[in-house]
């Protein structure tokens, strides 16, 4: 019996060609050192050129609230559908909402 197609899963970065496409310039020191305060509303926008603290592809574009700081990274509480989840990521992958 022959299996049609590739039976393996696409992996961590599979099927992200459009989602991770670069539209902004290179990551600057200011992007890396950005500070957020607790309760700030942020959007998870993954920068594929900066691998440290890269969140899962399924969180790209979701909005949440900064709940605490963890080392140089931040914990963001957000809703994915009806499920409350927490993402730990670096400030490069977060954009502050006004």
PDB file of N, CA and C in Angstrom:
ATOM      1  N   UNK A   1       0.830  -1.177   0.000  1.00  0.00           N
ATOM      2  CA  UNK A   1       0.000   0.000   0.000  1.00  0.00           C
ATOM      3  C   UNK A   1       0.881   1.249   0.000  1.00  0.00           C
ATOM      4  N   UNK A   2       0.637   2.146  -0.932  1.00  0.00           N
ATOM      5  CA  UNK A   2       1.444   3.354  -1.065  1.00  0.00           C
ATOM      6  C   UNK A   2       0.685   4.550  -0.476  1.00  0.00           C
ATOM      7  N   UNK A   3       1.395   5.336   0.345  1.00  0.00           N
ATOM      8  CA  UNK A   3       0.789   6.507   0.968  1.00  0.00           C
ATOM      9  C   UNK A   3       0.907   7.698   0.017  1.00  0.00           C
ATOM     10  N   UNK A   4      -0.199   8.391  -0.201  1.00  0.00           N
ATOM     11  CA  UNK A   4      -0.210   9.558  -1.080  1.00  0.00           C
ATOM     12  C   UNK A   4       0.318  10.784  -0.333  1.00  0.00           C
ATOM     13  N   UNK A   5       1.185  11.569  -0.932  1.00  0.00           N
ATOM     14  CA  UNK A   5       1.680  12.815  -0.346  1.00  0.00           C
ATOM     15  C   UNK A   5       2.638  12.578   0.806  1.00  0.00           C
ATOM     16  N   UNK A   6       2.923  13.636   1.536  1.00  0.00           N
ATOM     17  CA  UNK A   6       3.844  13.580   2.660  1.00  0.00           C
ATOM     18  C   UNK A   6       3.052  13.388   3.953  1.00  0.00           C
ATOM     19  N   UNK A   7       3.257  12.271   4.667  1.00  0.00           N
ATOM     20  CA  UNK A   7       2.476  12.012   5.872  1.00  0.00           C
ATOM     21  C   UNK A   7       2.927  12.827   7.085  1.00  0.00           C
ATOM     22  N   UNK A   8       4.072  13.495   7.000  1.00  0.00           N
ATOM     23  CA  UNK A   8       4.594  14.232   8.150  1.00  0.00           C
ATOM     24  C   UNK A   8       3.884  15.571   8.338  1.00  0.00           C
ATOM     25  N   UNK A   9       3.938  16.076   9.557  1.00  0.00           N
ATOM     26  CA  UNK A   9       3.375  17.387   9.868  1.00  0.00           C
ATOM     27  C   UNK A   9       4.270  18.466   9.265  1.00  0.00           C
ATOM     28  N   UNK A  10       3.718  19.676   9.015  1.00  0.00           N
ATOM     29  CA  UNK A  10       4.508  20.723   8.369  1.00  0.00           C
ATOM     30  C   UNK A  10       5.616  21.315   9.241  1.00  0.00           C
ATOM     31  N   UNK A  11       5.555  21.171  10.561  1.00  0.00           N
ATOM     32  CA  UNK A  11       6.613  21.659  11.432  1.00  0.00           C
ATOM     33  C   UNK A  11       6.326  23.036  11.989  1.00  0.00           C
ATOM     34  N   UNK A  12       7.304  23.573  12.741  1.00  0.00           N
ATOM     35  CA  UNK A  12       7.122  24.836  13.461  1.00  0.00           C
ATOM     36  C   UNK A  12       6.899  26.022  12.538  1.00  0.00           C
ATOM     37  N   UNK A  13       7.580  26.038  11.396  1.00  0.00           N
ATOM     38  CA  UNK A  13       7.456  27.167  10.473  1.00  0.00           C
ATOM     39  C   UNK A  13       6.761  26.789   9.174  1.00  0.00           C
ATOM     40  N   UNK A  14       6.133  25.635   9.141  1.00  0.00           N
ATOM     41  CA  UNK A  14       5.456  25.186   7.934  1.00  0.00           C
ATOM     42  C   UNK A  14       4.235  26.033   7.615  1.00  0.00           C
ATOM     43  N   UNK A  15       4.005  26.257   6.334  1.00  0.00           N
ATOM     44  CA  UNK A  15       2.858  27.025   5.840  1.00  0.00           C
ATOM     45  C   UNK A  15       2.822  28.448   6.392  1.00  0.00           C
ATOM     46  N   UNK A  16       3.973  29.092   6.448  1.00  0.00           N
ATOM     47  CA  UNK A  16       4.032  30.465   6.961  1.00  0.00           C
ATOM     48  C   UNK A  16       4.617  31.428   5.935  1.00  0.00           C
ATOM     49  N   UNK A  17       4.625  31.066   4.668  1.00  0.00           N
ATOM     50  CA  UNK A  17       5.262  31.908   3.646  1.00  0.00           C
ATOM     51  C   UNK A  17       4.648  33.308   3.617  1.00  0.00           C
ATOM     52  N   UNK A  18       3.335  33.416   3.650  1.00  0.00           N
ATOM     53  CA  UNK A  18       2.695  34.737   3.643  1.00  0.00           C
ATOM     54  C   UNK A  18       2.697  35.377   5.020  1.00  0.00           C
ATOM     55  N   UNK A  19       2.483  34.569   6.031  1.00  0.00           N
ATOM     56  CA  UNK A  19       2.350  35.078   7.395  1.00  0.00           C
ATOM     57  C   UNK A  19       3.647  35.724   7.896  1.00  0.00           C
ATOM     58  N   UNK A  20       4.784  35.152   7.575  1.00  0.00           N
ATOM     59  CA  UNK A  20       6.074  35.638   8.073  1.00  0.00           C
ATOM     60  C   UNK A  20       6.814  36.518   7.069  1.00  0.00           C
ATOM     61  N   UNK A  21       6.163  36.923   5.983  1.00  0.00           N
ATOM     62  CA  UNK A  21       6.805  37.746   4.975  1.00  0.00           C
ATOM     63  C   UNK A  21       7.229  39.080   5.581  1.00  0.00           C
ATOM     64  N   UNK A  22       8.454  39.518   5.293  1.00  0.00           N
ATOM     65  CA  UNK A  22       8.997  40.746   5.876  1.00  0.00           C
ATOM     66  C   UNK A  22       8.451  41.967   5.142  1.00  0.00           C
ATOM     67  N   UNK A  23       7.870  42.896   5.911  1.00  0.00           N
ATOM     68  CA  UNK A  23       7.404  44.162   5.347  1.00  0.00           C
ATOM     69  C   UNK A  23       8.094  45.344   6.036  1.00  0.00           C
ATOM     70  N   UNK A  24       8.818  45.071   7.113  1.00  0.00           N
ATOM     71  CA  UNK A  24       9.501  46.123   7.864  1.00  0.00           C
ATOM     72  C   UNK A  24      11.013  45.971   7.706  1.00  0.00           C
ATOM     73  N   UNK A  25      11.769  47.042   8.003  1.00  0.00           N
ATOM     74  CA  UNK A  25      13.225  46.935   7.913  1.00  0.00           C
ATOM     75  C   UNK A  25      13.801  46.042   9.018  1.00  0.00           C
ATOM     76  N   UNK A  26      15.129  45.943   9.047  1.00  0.00           N
ATOM     77  CA  UNK A  26      15.813  45.091  10.014  1.00  0.00           C
ATOM     78  C   UNK A  26      15.463  45.464  11.445  1.00  0.00           C
ATOM     79  N   UNK A  27      15.646  44.505  12.344  1.00  0.00           N
ATOM     80  CA  UNK A  27      15.396  44.731  13.768  1.00  0.00           C
ATOM     81  C   UNK A  27      16.474  45.659  14.307  1.00  0.00           C
ATOM     82  N   UNK A  28      16.052  46.728  14.998  1.00  0.00           N
ATOM     83  CA  UNK A  28      17.003  47.671  15.573  1.00  0.00           C
ATOM     84  C   UNK A  28      17.146  47.404  17.070  1.00  0.00           C
ATOM     85  N   UNK A  29      18.113  48.055  17.664  1.00  0.00           N
ATOM     86  CA  UNK A  29      18.334  47.925  19.105  1.00  0.00           C
ATOM     87  C   UNK A  29      17.114  48.451  19.867  1.00  0.00           C
ATOM     88  N   UNK A  30      16.479  49.491  19.340  1.00  0.00           N
ATOM     89  CA  UNK A  30      15.286  50.036  19.991  1.00  0.00           C
ATOM     90  C   UNK A  30      14.159  49.011  20.021  1.00  0.00           C
ATOM     91  N   UNK A  31      14.024  48.195  18.981  1.00  0.00           N
ATOM     92  CA  UNK A  31      12.997  47.151  18.963  1.00  0.00           C
ATOM     93  C   UNK A  31      13.268  46.100  20.037  1.00  0.00           C
ATOM     94  N   UNK A  32      14.530  45.748  20.214  1.00  0.00           N
ATOM     95  CA  UNK A  32      14.912  44.730  21.188  1.00  0.00           C
ATOM     96  C   UNK A  32      14.738  45.236  22.614  1.00  0.00           C
ATOM     97  N   UNK A  33      15.004  46.516  22.846  1.00  0.00           N
ATOM     98  CA  UNK A  33      14.979  47.085  24.200  1.00  0.00           C
ATOM     99  C   UNK A  33      13.643  47.758  24.546  1.00  0.00           C
ATOM    100  N   UNK A  34      12.617  47.590  23.744  1.00  0.00           N
ATOM    101  CA  UNK A  34      11.332  48.222  24.012  1.00  0.00           C
ATOM    102  C   UNK A  34      10.771  47.748  25.347  1.00  0.00           C
ATOM    103  N   UNK A  35      10.286  48.692  26.152  1.00  0.00           N
ATOM    104  CA  UNK A  35       9.711  48.375  27.464  1.00  0.00           C
ATOM    105  C   UNK A  35       8.190  48.475  27.395  1.00  0.00           C
ATOM    106  N   UNK A  36       7.521  47.517  28.009  1.00  0.00           N
ATOM    107  CA  UNK A  36       6.073  47.539  28.154  1.00  0.00           C
ATOM    108  C   UNK A  36       5.755  47.515  29.642  1.00  0.00           C
ATOM    109  N   UNK A  37       4.694  48.187  30.018  1.00  0.00           N
ATOM    110  CA  UNK A  37       4.276  48.132  31.415  1.00  0.00           C
ATOM    111  C   UNK A  37       3.121  47.146  31.546  1.00  0.00           C
ATOM    112  N   UNK A  38       2.872  46.697  32.762  1.00  0.00           N
ATOM    113  CA  UNK A  38       1.805  45.740  32.999  1.00  0.00           C
ATOM    114  C   UNK A  38       0.469  46.365  32.628  1.00  0.00           C
ATOM    115  N   UNK A  39      -0.357  45.609  31.934  1.00  0.00           N
ATOM    116  CA  UNK A  39      -1.658  46.096  31.517  1.00  0.00           C
ATOM    117  C   UNK A  39      -1.674  46.728  30.135  1.00  0.00           C
ATOM    118  N   UNK A  40      -0.508  46.861  29.486  1.00  0.00           N
ATOM    119  CA  UNK A  40      -0.460  47.411  28.125  1.00  0.00           C
ATOM    120  C   UNK A  40      -1.119  46.439  27.150  1.00  0.00           C
ATOM    121  N   UNK A  41      -1.853  46.997  26.199  1.00  0.00           N
ATOM    122  CA  UNK A  41      -2.483  46.192  25.160  1.00  0.00           C
ATOM    123  C   UNK A  41      -1.503  46.066  24.002  1.00  0.00           C
ATOM    124  N   UNK A  42      -1.183  44.838  23.600  1.00  0.00           N
ATOM    125  CA  UNK A  42      -0.203  44.597  22.550  1.00  0.00           C
ATOM    126  C   UNK A  42      -0.753  43.613  21.523  1.00  0.00           C
ATOM    127  N   UNK A  43      -0.162  43.668  20.332  1.00  0.00           N
ATOM    128  CA  UNK A  43      -0.501  42.749  19.251  1.00  0.00           C
ATOM    129  C   UNK A  43       0.736  41.891  18.969  1.00  0.00           C
ATOM    130  N   UNK A  44       0.547  40.601  18.803  1.00  0.00           N
ATOM    131  CA  UNK A  44       1.658  39.694  18.495  1.00  0.00           C
ATOM    132  C   UNK A  44       1.897  39.731  16.997  1.00  0.00           C
ATOM    133  N   UNK A  45       3.020  40.340  16.598  1.00  0.00           N
ATOM    134  CA  UNK A  45       3.414  40.421  15.188  1.00  0.00           C
ATOM    135  C   UNK A  45       4.797  39.794  15.086  1.00  0.00           C
ATOM    136  N   UNK A  46       4.862  38.577  14.592  1.00  0.00           N
ATOM    137  CA  UNK A  46       6.110  37.816  14.582  1.00  0.00           C
ATOM    138  C   UNK A  46       7.073  38.382  13.548  1.00  0.00           C
ATOM    139  N   UNK A  47       8.317  38.623  13.985  1.00  0.00           N
ATOM    140  CA  UNK A  47       9.391  39.050  13.086  1.00  0.00           C
ATOM    141  C   UNK A  47      10.262  37.830  12.822  1.00  0.00           C
ATOM    142  N   UNK A  48      10.183  37.283  11.627  1.00  0.00           N
ATOM    143  CA  UNK A  48      10.843  36.016  11.325  1.00  0.00           C
ATOM    144  C   UNK A  48      12.367  36.108  11.293  1.00  0.00           C
ATOM    145  N   UNK A  49      12.922  37.314  11.221  1.00  0.00           N
ATOM    146  CA  UNK A  49      14.371  37.451  11.163  1.00  0.00           C
ATOM    147  C   UNK A  49      15.013  37.400  12.545  1.00  0.00           C
ATOM    148  N   UNK A  50      14.213  37.515  13.599  1.00  0.00           N
ATOM    149  CA  UNK A  50      14.723  37.502  14.975  1.00  0.00           C
ATOM    150  C   UNK A  50      14.189  36.246  15.651  1.00  0.00           C
ATOM    151  N   UNK A  51      15.062  35.248  15.864  1.00  0.00           N
ATOM    152  CA  UNK A  51      14.630  33.933  16.309  1.00  0.00           C
ATOM    153  C   UNK A  51      14.448  33.816  17.811  1.00  0.00           C
ATOM    154  N   UNK A  52      15.040  34.704  18.585  1.00  0.00           N
ATOM    155  CA  UNK A  52      14.936  34.616  20.038  1.00  0.00           C
ATOM    156  C   UNK A  52      13.524  34.973  20.490  1.00  0.00           C
ATOM    157  N   UNK A  53      12.921  34.104  21.283  1.00  0.00           N
ATOM    158  CA  UNK A  53      11.588  34.353  21.815  1.00  0.00           C
ATOM    159  C   UNK A  53      10.491  34.282  20.775  1.00  0.00           C
ATOM    160  N   UNK A  54      10.711  33.537  19.712  1.00  0.00           N
ATOM    161  CA  UNK A  54       9.743  33.435  18.618  1.00  0.00           C
ATOM    162  C   UNK A  54       8.516  32.656  19.094  1.00  0.00           C
ATOM    163  N   UNK A  55       7.325  33.289  19.110  1.00  0.00           N
ATOM    164  CA  UNK A  55       6.130  32.555  19.514  1.00  0.00           C
ATOM    165  C   UNK A  55       5.649  31.628  18.401  1.00  0.00           C
ATOM    166  N   UNK A  56       4.699  30.769  18.713  1.00  0.00           N
ATOM    167  CA  UNK A  56       4.163  29.847  17.720  1.00  0.00           C
ATOM    168  C   UNK A  56       3.422  30.615  16.630  1.00  0.00           C
ATOM    169  N   UNK A  57       3.416  30.065  15.419  1.00  0.00           N
ATOM    170  CA  UNK A  57       2.799  30.737  14.273  1.00  0.00           C
ATOM    171  C   UNK A  57       1.305  30.978  14.452  1.00  0.00           C
ATOM    172  N   UNK A  58       0.659  30.203  15.300  1.00  0.00           N
ATOM    173  CA  UNK A  58      -0.785  30.345  15.492  1.00  0.00           C
ATOM    174  C   UNK A  58      -1.153  31.596  16.284  1.00  0.00           C
ATOM    175  N   UNK A  59      -0.177  32.235  16.952  1.00  0.00           N
ATOM    176  CA  UNK A  59      -0.448  33.438  17.738  1.00  0.00           C
ATOM    177  C   UNK A  59      -0.270  34.725  16.936  1.00  0.00           C
ATOM    178  N   UNK A  60       0.228  34.625  15.708  1.00  0.00           N
ATOM    179  CA  UNK A  60       0.493  35.811  14.890  1.00  0.00           C
ATOM    180  C   UNK A  60      -0.805  36.581  14.628  1.00  0.00           C
ATOM    181  N   UNK A  61      -0.811  37.872  14.965  1.00  0.00           N
ATOM    182  CA  UNK A  61      -1.966  38.724  14.717  1.00  0.00           C
ATOM    183  C   UNK A  61      -2.958  38.818  15.858  1.00  0.00           C
ATOM    184  N   UNK A  62      -2.755  38.041  16.928  1.00  0.00           N
ATOM    185  CA  UNK A  62      -3.678  38.092  18.052  1.00  0.00           C
ATOM    186  C   UNK A  62      -3.332  39.251  18.987  1.00  0.00           C
ATOM    187  N   UNK A  63      -4.335  39.756  19.691  1.00  0.00           N
ATOM    188  CA  UNK A  63      -4.171  40.879  20.601  1.00  0.00           C
ATOM    189  C   UNK A  63      -4.345  40.404  22.030  1.00  0.00           C
ATOM    190  N   UNK A  64      -3.500  40.922  22.933  1.00  0.00           N
ATOM    191  CA  UNK A  64      -3.597  40.535  24.337  1.00  0.00           C
ATOM    192  C   UNK A  64      -3.096  41.634  25.252  1.00  0.00           C
ATOM    193  N   UNK A  65      -2.995  41.305  26.537  1.00  0.00           N
ATOM    194  CA  UNK A  65      -2.572  42.257  27.559  1.00  0.00           C
ATOM    195  C   UNK A  65      -1.318  41.715  28.233  1.00  0.00           C
ATOM    196  N   UNK A  66      -0.321  42.586  28.447  1.00  0.00           N
ATOM    197  CA  UNK A  66       0.915  42.199  29.116  1.00  0.00           C
ATOM    198  C   UNK A  66       0.589  41.919  30.576  1.00  0.00           C
ATOM    199  N   UNK A  67       0.833  40.667  31.014  1.00  0.00           N
ATOM    200  CA  UNK A  67       0.490  40.298  32.387  1.00  0.00           C
ATOM    201  C   UNK A  67       1.689  40.341  33.330  1.00  0.00           C
ATOM    202  N   UNK A  68       2.882  40.008  32.838  1.00  0.00           N
ATOM    203  CA  UNK A  68       4.084  40.155  33.671  1.00  0.00           C
ATOM    204  C   UNK A  68       5.339  40.059  32.824  1.00  0.00           C
ATOM    205  N   UNK A  69       6.452  40.466  33.428  1.00  0.00           N
ATOM    206  CA  UNK A  69       7.750  40.411  32.757  1.00  0.00           C
ATOM    207  C   UNK A  69       8.478  39.172  33.227  1.00  0.00           C
ATOM    208  N   UNK A  70       9.124  38.480  32.308  1.00  0.00           N
ATOM    209  CA  UNK A  70       9.856  37.258  32.637  1.00  0.00           C
ATOM    210  C   UNK A  70      11.241  37.358  32.033  1.00  0.00           C
ATOM    211  N   UNK A  71      12.208  37.829  32.809  1.00  0.00           N
ATOM    212  CA  UNK A  71      13.552  38.081  32.295  1.00  0.00           C
ATOM    213  C   UNK A  71      13.508  39.230  31.312  1.00  0.00           C
ATOM    214  N   UNK A  72      13.976  39.008  30.068  1.00  0.00           N
ATOM    215  CA  UNK A  72      13.892  40.034  29.031  1.00  0.00           C
ATOM    216  C   UNK A  72      12.604  39.907  28.225  1.00  0.00           C
ATOM    217  N   UNK A  73      11.841  38.846  28.469  1.00  0.00           N
ATOM    218  CA  UNK A  73      10.611  38.598  27.721  1.00  0.00           C
ATOM    219  C   UNK A  73       9.391  39.045  28.521  1.00  0.00           C
ATOM    220  N   UNK A  74       8.238  38.985  27.866  1.00  0.00           N
ATOM    221  CA  UNK A  74       6.978  39.365  28.494  1.00  0.00           C
ATOM    222  C   UNK A  74       5.974  38.237  28.344  1.00  0.00           C
ATOM    223  N   UNK A  75       5.109  38.100  29.363  1.00  0.00           N
ATOM    224  CA  UNK A  75       3.991  37.180  29.291  1.00  0.00           C
ATOM    225  C   UNK A  75       2.783  37.956  28.821  1.00  0.00           C
ATOM    226  N   UNK A  76       2.126  37.481  27.780  1.00  0.00           N
ATOM    227  CA  UNK A  76       0.953  38.144  27.227  1.00  0.00           C
ATOM    228  C   UNK A  76      -0.236  37.198  27.374  1.00  0.00           C
ATOM    229  N   UNK A  77      -1.285  37.670  28.048  1.00  0.00           N
ATOM    230  CA  UNK A  77      -2.521  36.899  28.186  1.00  0.00           C
ATOM    231  C   UNK A  77      -3.444  37.276  27.036  1.00  0.00           C
ATOM    232  N   UNK A  78      -3.945  36.272  26.329  1.00  0.00           N
ATOM    233  CA  UNK A  78      -4.811  36.549  25.183  1.00  0.00           C
ATOM    234  C   UNK A  78      -5.861  35.469  25.029  1.00  0.00           C
ATOM    235  N   UNK A  79      -6.839  35.749  24.198  1.00  0.00           N
ATOM    236  CA  UNK A  79      -7.891  34.795  23.894  1.00  0.00           C
ATOM    237  C   UNK A  79      -7.704  34.271  22.476  1.00  0.00           C
ATOM    238  N   UNK A  80      -7.765  32.954  22.346  1.00  0.00           N
ATOM    239  CA  UNK A  80      -7.739  32.327  21.024  1.00  0.00           C
ATOM    240  C   UNK A  80      -9.050  31.572  20.909  1.00  0.00           C
ATOM    241  N   UNK A  81     -10.004  32.207  20.235  1.00  0.00           N
ATOM    242  CA  UNK A  81     -11.369  31.702  20.262  1.00  0.00           C
ATOM    243  C   UNK A  81     -11.957  32.029  21.626  1.00  0.00           C
ATOM    244  N   UNK A  82     -12.384  31.015  22.355  1.00  0.00           N
ATOM    245  CA  UNK A  82     -12.883  31.219  23.722  1.00  0.00           C
ATOM    246  C   UNK A  82     -11.872  30.807  24.764  1.00  0.00           C
ATOM    247  N   UNK A  83     -10.729  30.292  24.340  1.00  0.00           N
ATOM    248  CA  UNK A  83      -9.732  29.756  25.254  1.00  0.00           C
ATOM    249  C   UNK A  83      -8.725  30.827  25.659  1.00  0.00           C
ATOM    250  N   UNK A  84      -8.510  30.997  26.959  1.00  0.00           N
ATOM    251  CA  UNK A  84      -7.525  31.950  27.474  1.00  0.00           C
ATOM    252  C   UNK A  84      -6.151  31.286  27.460  1.00  0.00           C
ATOM    253  N   UNK A  85      -5.179  31.935  26.804  1.00  0.00           N
ATOM    254  CA  UNK A  85      -3.835  31.387  26.688  1.00  0.00           C
ATOM    255  C   UNK A  85      -2.803  32.432  27.098  1.00  0.00           C
ATOM    256  N   UNK A  86      -1.591  31.970  27.377  1.00  0.00           N
ATOM    257  CA  UNK A  86      -0.483  32.846  27.726  1.00  0.00           C
ATOM    258  C   UNK A  86       0.671  32.589  26.769  1.00  0.00           C
ATOM    259  N   UNK A  87       1.256  33.670  26.241  1.00  0.00           N
ATOM    260  CA  UNK A  87       2.397  33.582  25.335  1.00  0.00           C
ATOM    261  C   UNK A  87       3.576  34.283  25.988  1.00  0.00           C
ATOM    262  N   UNK A  88       4.738  33.645  25.982  1.00  0.00           N
ATOM    263  CA  UNK A  88       5.958  34.269  26.476  1.00  0.00           C
ATOM    264  C   UNK A  88       6.810  34.599  25.261  1.00  0.00           C
ATOM    265  N   UNK A  89       7.088  35.897  25.061  1.00  0.00           N
ATOM    266  CA  UNK A  89       7.830  36.311  23.878  1.00  0.00           C
ATOM    267  C   UNK A  89       8.627  37.582  24.157  1.00  0.00           C
ATOM    268  N   UNK A  90       9.602  37.840  23.317  1.00  0.00           N
ATOM    269  CA  UNK A  90      10.437  39.031  23.456  1.00  0.00           C
ATOM    270  C   UNK A  90       9.739  40.233  22.826  1.00  0.00           C
ATOM    271  N   UNK A  91      10.158  41.459  23.192  1.00  0.00           N
ATOM    272  CA  UNK A  91       9.485  42.663  22.698  1.00  0.00           C
ATOM    273  C   UNK A  91       9.571  42.870  21.194  1.00  0.00           C
ATOM    274  N   UNK A  92      10.486  42.210  20.512  1.00  0.00           N
ATOM    275  CA  UNK A  92      10.603  42.352  19.053  1.00  0.00           C
ATOM    276  C   UNK A  92       9.324  41.881  18.369  1.00  0.00           C
ATOM    277  N   UNK A  93       8.676  40.873  18.960  1.00  0.00           N
ATOM    278  CA  UNK A  93       7.491  40.267  18.360  1.00  0.00           C
ATOM    279  C   UNK A  93       6.190  40.879  18.872  1.00  0.00           C
ATOM    280  N   UNK A  94       6.283  41.981  19.598  1.00  0.00           N
ATOM    281  CA  UNK A  94       5.098  42.646  20.133  1.00  0.00           C
ATOM    282  C   UNK A  94       5.020  44.081  19.618  1.00  0.00           C
ATOM    283  N   UNK A  95       3.823  44.533  19.310  1.00  0.00           N
ATOM    284  CA  UNK A  95       3.587  45.922  18.909  1.00  0.00           C
ATOM    285  C   UNK A  95       2.544  46.496  19.846  1.00  0.00           C
ATOM    286  N   UNK A  96       2.853  47.663  20.427  1.00  0.00           N
ATOM    287  CA  UNK A  96       1.939  48.297  21.378  1.00  0.00           C
ATOM    288  C   UNK A  96       0.762  48.927  20.662  1.00  0.00           C
ATOM    289  N   UNK A  97      -0.450  48.700  21.191  1.00  0.00           N
ATOM    290  CA  UNK A  97      -1.658  49.309  20.659  1.00  0.00           C
ATOM    291  C   UNK A  97      -2.011  50.517  21.513  1.00  0.00           C
ATOM    292  N   UNK A  98      -2.538  51.541  20.884  1.00  0.00           N
ATOM    293  CA  UNK A  98      -2.868  52.763  21.620  1.00  0.00           C
ATOM    294  C   UNK A  98      -4.263  52.695  22.176  1.00  0.00           C
TER     295      UNK A  98
END
